[in-house]
Amino acid sequence: MSIKREALREIDFSEVVDPRGAAIPPTSPADILLHEYMEPLGLSANALAGALRVPANRITNILKGRRSNTVDTALRLARCLGTTPPYWMNLQSGYDLEVTMAEKDAAIAGEISRRVTAP
């Protein structure tokens, strides 16, 4: 069975869950960096840091979720891995948005009760 691209806008994926019934968390840029780039290329965090000319703790902290990708890191990753800076920044901003929405959207909706409209 295939799904037409136009139909994707109408499908509600909000109830996608893992086998235990928990919601599937968003994929972090660190997971993509590790599994799609570092592992296939056989790069350690230290080796990637050396190639990027950044301190090793920058990469290890990104991989551990303690640090986000910055514009500087995105530029370096793009140059080193043959991608683009927007690729890395979009991964980071999309991840940040998903995490923040899951944590705060309901509370913010309760705080903000109306839309501002033009007079």
C-alpha atoms as a PDB file:
ATOM      1  CA  MET A   1       0.000   0.000   0.000  1.00  0.00           C
ATOM      2  CA  SER A   2       1.275   3.465  -0.796  1.00  0.00           C
ATOM      3  CA  ILE A   3       0.222   6.864   0.458  1.00  0.00           C
ATOM      4  CA  LYS A   4      -0.024   9.796  -1.893  1.00  0.00           C
ATOM      5  CA  ARG A   5       2.060  12.793  -0.906  1.00  0.00           C
ATOM      6  CA  GLU A   6      -1.008  15.046  -0.846  1.00  0.00           C
ATOM      7  CA  ALA A   7      -2.680  12.738   1.669  1.00  0.00           C
ATOM      8  CA  LEU A   8       0.136  13.177   4.220  1.00  0.00           C
ATOM      9  CA  ARG A   9      -1.273  16.560   5.250  1.00  0.00           C
ATOM     10  CA  GLU A  10      -4.504  14.884   6.303  1.00  0.00           C
ATOM     11  CA  ILE A  11      -2.984  12.058   8.346  1.00  0.00           C
ATOM     12  CA  ASP A  12      -2.774  12.506  12.111  1.00  0.00           C
ATOM     13  CA  PHE A  13       0.511  11.039  13.332  1.00  0.00           C
ATOM     14  CA  SER A  14       0.089  12.326  16.898  1.00  0.00           C
ATOM     15  CA  GLU A  15      -0.779   8.890  18.216  1.00  0.00           C
ATOM     16  CA  VAL A  16       2.266   7.114  16.818  1.00  0.00           C
ATOM     17  CA  VAL A  17       3.714   5.160  19.722  1.00  0.00           C
ATOM     18  CA  ASP A  18       6.498   2.711  20.388  1.00  0.00           C
ATOM     19  CA  PRO A  19       5.746  -0.959  21.262  1.00  0.00           C
ATOM     20  CA  ARG A  20       5.395  -0.085  24.979  1.00  0.00           C
ATOM     21  CA  GLY A  21       2.711   2.491  24.211  1.00  0.00           C
ATOM     22  CA  ALA A  22       4.847   5.567  24.861  1.00  0.00           C
ATOM     23  CA  ALA A  23       5.019   8.413  22.370  1.00  0.00           C
ATOM     24  CA  ILE A  24       8.079   8.250  20.151  1.00  0.00           C
ATOM     25  CA  PRO A  25      10.414  11.122  21.046  1.00  0.00           C
ATOM     26  CA  PRO A  26      11.728  13.374  18.274  1.00  0.00           C
ATOM     27  CA  THR A  27      15.035  12.439  16.713  1.00  0.00           C
ATOM     28  CA  SER A  28      17.796  14.720  17.896  1.00  0.00           C
ATOM     29  CA  PRO A  29      20.413  16.212  15.599  1.00  0.00           C
ATOM     30  CA  ALA A  30      22.952  14.347  17.738  1.00  0.00           C
ATOM     31  CA  ASP A  31      21.358  11.010  16.812  1.00  0.00           C
ATOM     32  CA  ILE A  32      21.536  11.904  13.131  1.00  0.00           C
ATOM     33  CA  LEU A  33      25.131  13.079  13.441  1.00  0.00           C
ATOM     34  CA  LEU A  34      26.127   9.896  15.244  1.00  0.00           C
ATOM     35  CA  HIS A  35      24.172   7.256  13.314  1.00  0.00           C
ATOM     36  CA  GLU A  36      24.090   8.750   9.824  1.00  0.00           C
ATOM     37  CA  TYR A  37      27.571  10.273   9.672  1.00  0.00           C
ATOM     38  CA  MET A  38      30.011   9.346  12.441  1.00  0.00           C
ATOM     39  CA  GLU A  39      29.320   5.608  12.643  1.00  0.00           C
ATOM     40  CA  PRO A  40      29.349   4.978   8.868  1.00  0.00           C
ATOM     41  CA  LEU A  41      32.560   6.989   8.534  1.00  0.00           C
ATOM     42  CA  GLY A  42      34.134   5.335  11.577  1.00  0.00           C
ATOM     43  CA  LEU A  43      34.626   8.695  13.313  1.00  0.00           C
ATOM     44  CA  SER A  44      34.971   9.082  17.048  1.00  0.00           C
ATOM     45  CA  ALA A  45      33.950  12.321  18.750  1.00  0.00           C
ATOM     46  CA  ASN A  46      37.641  13.221  19.065  1.00  0.00           C
ATOM     47  CA  ALA A  47      38.318  12.525  15.394  1.00  0.00           C
ATOM     48  CA  LEU A  48      35.341  14.613  14.285  1.00  0.00           C
ATOM     49  CA  ALA A  49      36.333  17.440  16.626  1.00  0.00           C
ATOM     50  CA  GLY A  50      39.826  17.384  15.144  1.00  0.00           C
ATOM     51  CA  ALA A  51      38.466  17.517  11.603  1.00  0.00           C
ATOM     52  CA  LEU A  52      36.180  20.408  12.565  1.00  0.00           C
ATOM     53  CA  ARG A  53      38.952  22.200  14.477  1.00  0.00           C
ATOM     54  CA  VAL A  54      36.820  22.498  17.615  1.00  0.00           C
ATOM     55  CA  PRO A  55      37.352  21.292  21.188  1.00  0.00           C
ATOM     56  CA  ALA A  56      36.399  17.646  21.649  1.00  0.00           C
ATOM     57  CA  ASN A  57      33.997  18.535  24.443  1.00  0.00           C
ATOM     58  CA  ARG A  58      31.861  20.494  21.948  1.00  0.00           C
ATOM     59  CA  ILE A  59      31.151  17.299  20.016  1.00  0.00           C
ATOM     60  CA  THR A  60      30.788  15.069  23.078  1.00  0.00           C
ATOM     61  CA  ASN A  61      28.358  17.546  24.657  1.00  0.00           C
ATOM     62  CA  ILE A  62      26.295  17.672  21.454  1.00  0.00           C
ATOM     63  CA  LEU A  63      26.210  13.869  21.346  1.00  0.00           C
ATOM     64  CA  LYS A  64      25.152  13.693  25.016  1.00  0.00           C
ATOM     65  CA  GLY A  65      22.373  16.261  24.503  1.00  0.00           C
ATOM     66  CA  ARG A  66      24.037  18.844  26.737  1.00  0.00           C
ATOM     67  CA  ARG A  67      24.645  21.308  23.926  1.00  0.00           C
ATOM     68  CA  SER A  68      22.803  22.348  20.788  1.00  0.00           C
ATOM     69  CA  ASN A  69      24.281  22.856  17.356  1.00  0.00           C
ATOM     70  CA  THR A  70      25.305  26.464  16.840  1.00  0.00           C
ATOM     71  CA  VAL A  71      25.687  28.305  13.557  1.00  0.00           C
ATOM     72  CA  ASP A  72      29.460  27.886  13.843  1.00  0.00           C
ATOM     73  CA  THR A  73      29.108  24.131  14.360  1.00  0.00           C
ATOM     74  CA  ALA A  74      26.612  23.886  11.496  1.00  0.00           C
ATOM     75  CA  LEU A  75      29.057  25.646   9.160  1.00  0.00           C
ATOM     76  CA  ARG A  76      31.853  23.305  10.190  1.00  0.00           C
ATOM     77  CA  LEU A  77      29.736  20.142   9.941  1.00  0.00           C
ATOM     78  CA  ALA A  78      28.479  21.173   6.508  1.00  0.00           C
ATOM     79  CA  ARG A  79      31.970  21.793   5.184  1.00  0.00           C
ATOM     80  CA  CYS A  80      33.365  18.583   6.681  1.00  0.00           C
ATOM     81  CA  LEU A  81      30.475  16.221   5.886  1.00  0.00           C
ATOM     82  CA  GLY A  82      29.338  17.576   2.516  1.00  0.00           C
ATOM     83  CA  THR A  83      25.984  18.879   3.712  1.00  0.00           C
ATOM     84  CA  THR A  84      24.707  22.432   4.141  1.00  0.00           C
ATOM     85  CA  PRO A  85      24.547  24.717   7.179  1.00  0.00           C
ATOM     86  CA  PRO A  86      20.723  24.998   6.900  1.00  0.00           C
ATOM     87  CA  TYR A  87      20.500  21.202   7.096  1.00  0.00           C
ATOM     88  CA  TRP A  88      22.050  21.207  10.572  1.00  0.00           C
ATOM     89  CA  MET A  89      20.253  24.337  11.753  1.00  0.00           C
ATOM     90  CA  ASN A  90      16.880  23.000  10.556  1.00  0.00           C
ATOM     91  CA  LEU A  91      17.481  19.709  12.360  1.00  0.00           C
ATOM     92  CA  GLN A  92      18.254  21.629  15.547  1.00  0.00           C
ATOM     93  CA  SER A  93      15.364  24.099  15.349  1.00  0.00           C
ATOM     94  CA  GLY A  94      12.879  21.352  14.444  1.00  0.00           C
ATOM     95  CA  TYR A  95      14.042  19.246  17.369  1.00  0.00           C
ATOM     96  CA  ASP A  96      13.929  22.207  19.768  1.00  0.00           C
ATOM     97  CA  LEU A  97      10.406  23.067  18.616  1.00  0.00           C
ATOM     98  CA  GLU A  98       9.129  19.500  19.094  1.00  0.00           C
ATOM     99  CA  VAL A  99      10.665  19.197  22.570  1.00  0.00           C
ATOM    100  CA  THR A 100       9.404  22.593  23.715  1.00  0.00           C
ATOM    101  CA  MET A 101       5.917  21.996  22.345  1.00  0.00           C
ATOM    102  CA  ALA A 102       5.713  18.697  24.213  1.00  0.00           C
ATOM    103  CA  GLU A 103       6.861  20.356  27.431  1.00  0.00           C
ATOM    104  CA  LYS A 104       5.154  23.745  27.348  1.00  0.00           C
ATOM    105  CA  ASP A 105       2.469  24.070  24.677  1.00  0.00           C
ATOM    106  CA  ALA A 106      -0.458  23.155  26.936  1.00  0.00           C
ATOM    107  CA  ALA A 107       0.706  25.520  29.689  1.00  0.00           C
ATOM    108  CA  ILE A 108       1.197  28.370  27.233  1.00  0.00           C
ATOM    109  CA  ALA A 109      -2.224  27.729  25.728  1.00  0.00           C
ATOM    110  CA  GLY A 110      -3.667  28.130  29.234  1.00  0.00           C
ATOM    111  CA  GLU A 111      -1.810  31.402  29.771  1.00  0.00           C
ATOM    112  CA  ILE A 112      -2.687  32.986  26.443  1.00  0.00           C
ATOM    113  CA  SER A 113      -6.433  33.022  26.068  1.00  0.00           C
ATOM    114  CA  ARG A 114      -6.946  35.197  23.033  1.00  0.00           C
ATOM    115  CA  ARG A 115      -5.382  36.273  19.795  1.00  0.00           C
ATOM    116  CA  VAL A 116      -4.394  39.829  19.170  1.00  0.00           C
ATOM    117  CA  THR A 117      -6.235  41.248  16.181  1.00  0.00           C
ATOM    118  CA  ALA A 118      -5.869  44.453  14.250  1.00  0.00           C
ATOM    119  CA  PRO A 119      -8.314  47.230  15.151  1.00  0.00           C
END
